[in-house]
Amino acid sequence: MCVSRAFKVLVSHPQVPVAALQLLRSRGAETIICQSVPPSRDEILEKVGGVDAIFWAHYQPLNAAILDAAGPQLRAVSTMSSGIDFADVEEFKRRQIPLGHTPGVVKNSVADLAIGLMIAAGRHFHAGRRDIETSQWLTEQIDWRMGVEIRDSVIGFFGFGGISQAIAKRLQCWDVAKIIYTARNRKENDIDFKAEHVPFERLLKESDFLVVAAPLTNETREKFNAKAFAQMKRSAVFVNVARGGLVNQVDLHKALSSGQIFAAGLDVTTPEPLPADSPILKLPNCVVLPHLGTQTMKTTIEMSLLAANNIINAIEDKPMVSPAY
């Protein structure tokens, strides 16, 4: 396809960074931008007909209904996200429509936040703030709010892709005891992080900090449940920066409230948004964030540019930079 030929791109959110829109337009795109916040499915279905590509910048279901509404001329779709659990990948495969996503560029901002959650959960940030607000600042007690350190700890990862490796890289100077991980296969570069591939049961039993950074699949859904938490150390800190669906949240609540594990730090929950009256929010030993992992301007711009380049490549009959399948 000639680069200069105009093509239409539906952009599902009005706050997509200008840099990505400018890139698309510089390569001949007419951008049709949905204006609703939060995105309105009715508006998307109204505007998507006849477009050549879709820039999907939110987490609503991306499925046959959207593809049908777009029409048979649709040539490419890219999400502006790392995870694609909201997309019907099998439907894209069946229709042979290229689907892109933006996994690699999120690793640094998510890694920073994951370490923040490790410290915040391990050192009672949430409970300590509540103590101040309720005048329970008990400085006269030596054992008040004793936490756990990253130093000399076993750091475990469920999943050892870009995010986990970015965390492990940052922890190289933290004097950790060792780094272990569970993944489908051993990573050839794990020696770069002094990391050891171990079975899931060993990950549970040995980890002082256990960080979840794996995709949500049928295989990983609710992998962390009552059975898993029962095998963890009572002093363990559990951190999830992946997807809420990897965790049975009721079981996690029970493990935290009973002292079966020490603390948790969550950037992802089920559901999202989490209701204000969710029981998990009432626990003093659980730090909960509203899915802020990629919420830096630098990373958001990088994600948007990658999504735009995925679309441009597909329109030009080239492989996507970051295909989802």
Protein backbone atom coordinates (compact mmCIF):
# COMPACT_ATOMS: atom_id res chain seq x y z
CA MET A 1 0.00 0.00 0.00
CA CYS A 2 1.23 3.49 -0.80
CA VAL A 3 2.12 5.37 2.37
CA SER A 4 0.47 8.56 1.17
CA ARG A 5 -2.98 7.01 0.55
CA ALA A 6 -5.46 8.21 3.13
CA PHE A 7 -6.88 5.72 5.61
CA LYS A 8 -9.37 6.12 8.43
CA VAL A 9 -8.54 5.34 12.06
CA LEU A 10 -11.11 5.29 14.84
CA VAL A 11 -9.54 6.48 18.12
CA SER A 12 -11.69 5.24 21.00
CA HIS A 13 -10.68 7.87 23.58
CA PRO A 14 -10.26 11.65 23.27
CA GLN A 15 -7.25 11.78 25.63
CA VAL A 16 -4.86 9.73 23.49
CA PRO A 17 -1.55 11.67 23.44
CA VAL A 18 -1.26 14.17 20.62
CA ALA A 19 2.09 12.68 19.56
CA ALA A 20 0.37 9.47 18.46
CA LEU A 21 -2.36 11.33 16.57
CA GLN A 22 0.24 13.46 14.82
CA LEU A 23 2.19 10.35 13.83
CA LEU A 24 -0.89 8.73 12.34
CA ARG A 25 -1.85 11.88 10.46
CA SER A 26 1.68 12.31 9.12
CA ARG A 27 1.33 8.89 7.46
CA GLY A 28 -1.98 9.72 5.81
CA ALA A 29 -4.53 8.89 8.48
CA GLU A 30 -7.85 10.59 8.98
CA THR A 31 -8.46 10.23 12.70
CA ILE A 32 -12.03 9.83 13.89
CA ILE A 33 -11.89 10.55 17.62
CA CYS A 34 -14.59 9.45 20.03
CA GLN A 35 -15.33 12.19 22.54
CA SER A 36 -17.00 10.40 25.44
CA VAL A 37 -15.25 9.91 28.78
CA PRO A 38 -15.62 7.22 29.86
CA PRO A 39 -15.79 5.83 26.33
CA SER A 40 -19.32 5.22 25.12
CA ARG A 41 -19.84 1.94 23.32
CA ASP A 42 -22.79 3.46 21.48
CA GLU A 43 -20.57 6.26 20.17
CA ILE A 44 -17.88 3.79 19.12
CA LEU A 45 -20.41 1.60 17.29
CA GLU A 46 -21.85 4.69 15.59
CA LYS A 47 -18.48 5.96 14.36
CA VAL A 48 -16.52 2.78 13.64
CA GLY A 49 -18.27 1.84 10.40
CA GLY A 50 -16.01 2.01 7.36
CA VAL A 51 -12.72 2.63 9.16
CA ASP A 52 -9.48 0.95 8.11
CA ALA A 53 -8.05 0.69 11.61
CA ILE A 54 -9.00 1.02 15.27
CA PHE A 55 -6.85 2.58 18.00
CA TRP A 56 -8.36 0.98 21.13
CA ALA A 57 -7.42 3.08 24.16
CA HIS A 58 -9.57 1.62 26.93
CA TYR A 59 -10.56 -1.72 28.46
CA GLN A 60 -14.07 -2.36 27.20
CA PRO A 61 -14.61 -5.68 25.38
CA LEU A 62 -12.97 -5.71 21.97
CA ASN A 63 -14.94 -8.39 20.24
CA ALA A 64 -16.99 -9.50 17.26
CA ALA A 65 -19.58 -6.76 17.82
CA ILE A 66 -16.94 -4.08 17.25
CA LEU A 67 -15.43 -5.90 14.28
CA ASP A 68 -18.85 -6.43 12.69
CA ALA A 69 -19.71 -2.75 13.13
CA ALA A 70 -16.42 -1.71 11.55
CA GLY A 71 -17.03 -3.73 8.41
CA PRO A 72 -15.03 -6.05 6.13
CA GLN A 73 -12.56 -3.35 5.05
CA LEU A 74 -11.02 -3.23 8.58
CA ARG A 75 -7.30 -3.95 8.28
CA ALA A 76 -5.78 -3.41 11.71
CA VAL A 77 -6.50 -2.91 15.41
CA SER A 78 -4.08 -1.98 18.16
CA THR A 79 -4.78 -1.59 21.84
CA MET A 80 -2.90 0.94 23.94
CA SER A 81 -2.29 -1.62 26.67
CA SER A 82 0.01 -4.44 27.65
CA GLY A 83 -2.67 -6.92 28.69
CA ILE A 84 -5.32 -7.94 26.17
CA ASP A 85 -7.63 -10.05 28.33
CA PHE A 86 -10.51 -7.81 27.19
CA ALA A 87 -9.89 -8.68 23.52
CA ASP A 88 -11.31 -11.74 21.77
CA VAL A 89 -8.00 -12.83 20.26
CA GLU A 90 -9.48 -15.99 18.75
CA GLU A 91 -12.01 -13.88 16.82
CA PHE A 92 -9.19 -11.75 15.43
CA LYS A 93 -7.34 -14.89 14.38
CA ARG A 94 -10.46 -16.32 12.75
CA ARG A 95 -10.93 -13.15 10.71
CA GLN A 96 -7.19 -12.76 10.10
CA ILE A 97 -7.24 -9.17 11.32
CA PRO A 98 -3.90 -8.04 12.78
CA LEU A 99 -4.12 -7.14 16.47
CA GLY A 100 -1.38 -5.20 18.23
CA HIS A 101 -0.70 -4.21 21.82
CA THR A 102 1.99 -2.34 23.77
CA PRO A 103 3.68 -4.64 26.31
CA GLY A 104 7.37 -3.76 26.21
CA VAL A 105 7.17 -0.06 26.95
CA VAL A 106 5.22 -0.45 30.20
CA LYS A 107 7.89 -2.40 32.05
CA ASN A 108 9.79 0.47 33.65
CA SER A 109 6.88 2.42 35.10
CA VAL A 110 5.22 -0.77 36.37
CA ALA A 111 8.52 -1.98 37.86
CA ASP A 112 8.94 1.27 39.79
CA LEU A 113 5.42 0.99 41.15
CA ALA A 114 5.86 -2.70 42.06
CA ILE A 115 8.89 -1.92 44.21
CA GLY A 116 6.89 0.90 45.79
CA LEU A 117 4.16 -1.60 46.68
CA MET A 118 6.71 -4.04 48.08
CA ILE A 119 7.98 -1.37 50.44
CA ALA A 120 4.58 0.16 51.22
CA ALA A 121 3.04 -3.20 52.10
CA GLY A 122 6.08 -4.57 53.89
CA ARG A 123 6.53 -1.44 56.01
CA HIS A 124 2.90 -0.75 57.00
CA PHE A 125 2.41 2.47 55.00
CA HIS A 126 -1.39 2.09 54.97
CA ALA A 127 -1.74 0.98 58.59
CA GLY A 128 0.71 3.64 59.73
CA ARG A 129 -1.31 6.40 58.07
CA ARG A 130 -4.46 5.07 59.72
CA ASP A 131 -2.67 5.09 63.09
CA ILE A 132 -1.88 8.78 62.65
CA GLU A 133 -5.46 9.59 61.66
CA THR A 134 -6.84 7.78 64.73
CA SER A 135 -4.22 9.09 67.20
CA GLN A 136 -2.69 5.62 67.63
CA TRP A 137 0.92 6.69 67.05
CA LEU A 138 2.39 4.32 69.65
CA THR A 139 6.05 5.32 69.60
CA GLU A 140 6.59 4.13 73.15
CA GLN A 141 6.22 0.48 72.02
CA ILE A 142 9.42 -0.99 70.60
CA ASP A 143 7.58 -3.62 68.54
CA TRP A 144 5.01 -1.22 67.06
CA ARG A 145 4.44 -1.66 63.32
CA MET A 146 7.48 -3.86 62.75
CA GLY A 147 7.83 -4.49 59.03
CA VAL A 148 9.92 -6.62 56.69
CA GLU A 149 12.83 -5.49 54.54
CA ILE A 150 13.77 -6.30 50.97
CA ARG A 151 17.37 -6.71 52.11
CA ASP A 152 18.31 -10.40 52.67
CA SER A 153 14.88 -11.48 51.37
CA VAL A 154 13.96 -14.09 48.78
CA ILE A 155 12.19 -12.29 45.95
CA GLY A 156 9.83 -14.47 43.94
CA PHE A 157 8.17 -13.69 40.62
CA PHE A 158 5.17 -15.36 39.03
CA GLY A 159 5.98 -14.67 35.42
CA PHE A 160 9.40 -13.49 34.34
CA GLY A 161 8.83 -11.30 31.32
CA GLY A 162 9.73 -7.67 30.79
CA ILE A 163 8.12 -6.29 33.95
CA SER A 164 9.55 -8.91 36.29
CA GLN A 165 12.98 -8.56 34.73
CA ALA A 166 12.83 -4.78 35.10
CA ILE A 167 12.05 -5.24 38.80
CA ALA A 168 14.82 -7.81 39.17
CA LYS A 169 17.28 -5.44 37.48
CA ARG A 170 16.44 -2.71 39.96
CA LEU A 171 16.86 -5.11 42.88
CA GLN A 172 20.40 -6.11 41.95
CA CYS A 173 21.78 -3.45 44.32
CA TRP A 174 19.34 -4.15 47.16
CA ASP A 175 21.33 -7.02 48.72
CA VAL A 176 18.53 -9.55 48.28
CA ALA A 177 19.19 -13.15 49.32
CA LYS A 178 18.14 -14.55 45.94
CA ILE A 179 15.66 -14.18 43.12
CA ILE A 180 13.43 -17.06 42.03
CA TYR A 181 10.67 -17.23 39.46
CA THR A 182 7.98 -19.48 38.06
CA ALA A 183 7.22 -19.33 34.36
CA ARG A 184 6.16 -21.82 31.73
CA ASN A 185 9.75 -22.18 30.59
CA ARG A 186 13.15 -21.15 31.88
CA LYS A 187 14.30 -17.79 30.52
CA GLU A 188 17.67 -18.00 28.77
CA ASN A 189 18.72 -14.61 30.18
CA ASP A 190 17.83 -15.38 33.82
CA ILE A 191 21.54 -15.54 34.64
CA ASP A 192 21.69 -11.79 33.96
CA PHE A 193 19.46 -11.29 37.01
CA LYS A 194 20.95 -14.10 39.14
CA ALA A 195 17.49 -15.65 39.01
CA GLU A 196 16.50 -19.30 39.34
CA HIS A 197 13.58 -21.00 37.61
CA VAL A 198 11.58 -23.00 40.19
CA PRO A 199 8.27 -24.92 40.38
CA PHE A 200 5.21 -23.03 41.58
CA GLU A 201 5.10 -24.83 44.93
CA ARG A 202 8.68 -23.84 45.70
CA LEU A 203 7.94 -20.24 44.70
CA LEU A 204 5.13 -20.15 47.25
CA LYS A 205 7.13 -21.75 50.06
CA GLU A 206 10.35 -19.77 49.69
CA SER A 207 9.33 -16.24 48.70
CA ASP A 208 9.52 -13.43 51.24
CA PHE A 209 8.12 -11.07 48.61
CA LEU A 210 6.04 -12.64 45.85
CA VAL A 211 5.36 -10.42 42.85
CA VAL A 212 2.73 -11.38 40.27
CA ALA A 213 3.49 -10.05 36.79
CA ALA A 214 2.03 -12.57 34.35
CA PRO A 215 -0.75 -12.42 31.75
CA LEU A 216 -4.28 -13.38 32.68
CA THR A 217 -5.15 -16.60 30.85
CA ASN A 218 -7.40 -19.57 31.51
CA GLU A 219 -4.34 -21.27 33.00
CA THR A 220 -3.44 -18.41 35.36
CA ARG A 221 -6.95 -17.30 36.38
CA GLU A 222 -7.26 -17.43 40.21
CA LYS A 223 -3.90 -19.18 40.41
CA PHE A 224 -3.48 -17.46 43.75
CA ASN A 225 -6.22 -18.94 45.88
CA ALA A 226 -6.65 -20.42 49.36
CA LYS A 227 -4.50 -23.41 48.47
CA ALA A 228 -1.68 -21.18 47.26
CA PHE A 229 -1.80 -18.74 50.19
CA ALA A 230 -1.74 -21.68 52.63
CA GLN A 231 1.68 -22.63 51.27
CA MET A 232 3.22 -19.17 51.70
CA LYS A 233 5.21 -17.91 54.66
CA ARG A 234 3.29 -16.08 57.36
CA SER A 235 5.84 -13.29 56.91
CA ALA A 236 5.32 -13.11 53.12
CA VAL A 237 4.37 -9.94 51.26
CA PHE A 238 2.19 -10.53 48.19
CA VAL A 239 2.23 -7.98 45.34
CA ASN A 240 0.07 -8.03 42.20
CA VAL A 241 0.78 -5.68 39.27
CA ALA A 242 -0.65 -7.97 36.58
CA ARG A 243 -4.43 -8.45 36.50
CA GLY A 244 -6.87 -8.85 39.35
CA GLY A 245 -8.20 -12.06 37.84
CA LEU A 246 -5.04 -13.98 38.72
CA VAL A 247 -6.10 -13.77 42.37
CA ASN A 248 -9.12 -15.10 44.20
CA GLN A 249 -9.74 -11.88 46.10
CA VAL A 250 -11.99 -13.48 48.73
CA ASP A 251 -9.24 -15.98 49.53
CA LEU A 252 -6.66 -13.19 49.66
CA HIS A 253 -8.84 -11.28 52.12
CA LYS A 254 -9.06 -14.35 54.33
CA ALA A 255 -5.29 -14.92 54.16
CA LEU A 256 -4.59 -11.31 55.14
CA SER A 257 -7.21 -11.02 57.86
CA SER A 258 -6.20 -14.32 59.47
CA GLY A 259 -2.47 -13.59 59.41
CA GLN A 260 -1.80 -16.43 57.01
CA ILE A 261 0.38 -13.99 55.07
CA PHE A 262 1.86 -10.73 56.33
CA ALA A 263 0.69 -8.12 53.84
CA ALA A 264 -0.28 -7.37 50.27
CA GLY A 265 0.19 -4.57 47.76
CA LEU A 266 -2.29 -4.46 44.87
CA ASP A 267 -2.32 -2.26 41.80
CA VAL A 268 -5.00 -4.44 40.23
CA THR A 269 -8.23 -5.80 41.67
CA THR A 270 -11.49 -7.54 40.80
CA PRO A 271 -13.54 -5.68 39.79
CA GLU A 272 -12.11 -2.41 38.53
CA PRO A 273 -13.08 0.15 39.62
CA LEU A 274 -13.17 -1.39 43.08
CA PRO A 275 -16.30 -0.43 45.08
CA ALA A 276 -15.58 1.93 47.98
CA ASP A 277 -17.11 -0.56 50.39
CA SER A 278 -14.96 -3.50 49.26
CA PRO A 279 -13.80 -5.56 52.26
CA ILE A 280 -10.22 -5.58 50.94
CA LEU A 281 -10.02 -1.81 51.53
CA LYS A 282 -10.76 -2.22 55.21
CA LEU A 283 -7.68 -4.33 55.90
CA PRO A 284 -4.78 -2.50 57.58
CA ASN A 285 -2.22 -4.81 55.94
CA CYS A 286 -3.31 -4.31 52.34
CA VAL A 287 -2.15 -1.38 50.20
CA VAL A 288 -4.49 -0.88 47.23
CA LEU A 289 -3.90 1.42 44.25
CA PRO A 290 -6.35 2.17 41.40
CA HIS A 291 -4.32 0.53 38.59
CA LEU A 292 -1.65 3.22 38.31
CA GLY A 293 1.10 1.03 36.86
CA THR A 294 1.44 2.82 33.52
CA GLN A 295 0.19 6.19 34.72
CA THR A 296 3.20 8.33 33.86
CA MET A 297 3.19 10.71 30.92
CA LYS A 298 6.42 9.27 29.53
CA THR A 299 5.10 5.71 29.44
CA THR A 300 1.66 6.73 28.19
CA ILE A 301 3.19 8.59 25.24
CA GLU A 302 5.45 5.61 24.47
CA MET A 303 2.45 3.28 24.57
CA SER A 304 0.46 5.51 22.25
CA LEU A 305 3.30 5.76 19.74
CA LEU A 306 3.75 1.99 19.73
CA ALA A 307 0.03 1.50 19.13
CA ALA A 308 0.17 4.02 16.28
CA ASN A 309 3.16 2.28 14.72
CA ASN A 310 1.39 -1.07 14.99
CA ILE A 311 -1.44 0.37 12.92
CA ILE A 312 0.84 2.09 10.40
CA ASN A 313 2.81 -1.09 9.80
CA ALA A 314 -0.31 -3.16 9.25
CA ILE A 315 -1.77 -0.59 6.85
CA GLU A 316 1.52 -0.67 4.93
CA ASP A 317 1.37 -4.47 4.78
CA LYS A 318 4.25 -4.87 7.20
CA PRO A 319 4.34 -6.93 10.42
CA MET A 320 3.16 -5.05 13.49
CA VAL A 321 5.88 -3.88 15.84
CA SER A 322 4.19 -5.67 18.72
CA PRO A 323 1.59 -8.20 17.52
CA ALA A 324 -0.74 -9.83 20.02
CA TYR A 325 -0.67 -13.13 18.15
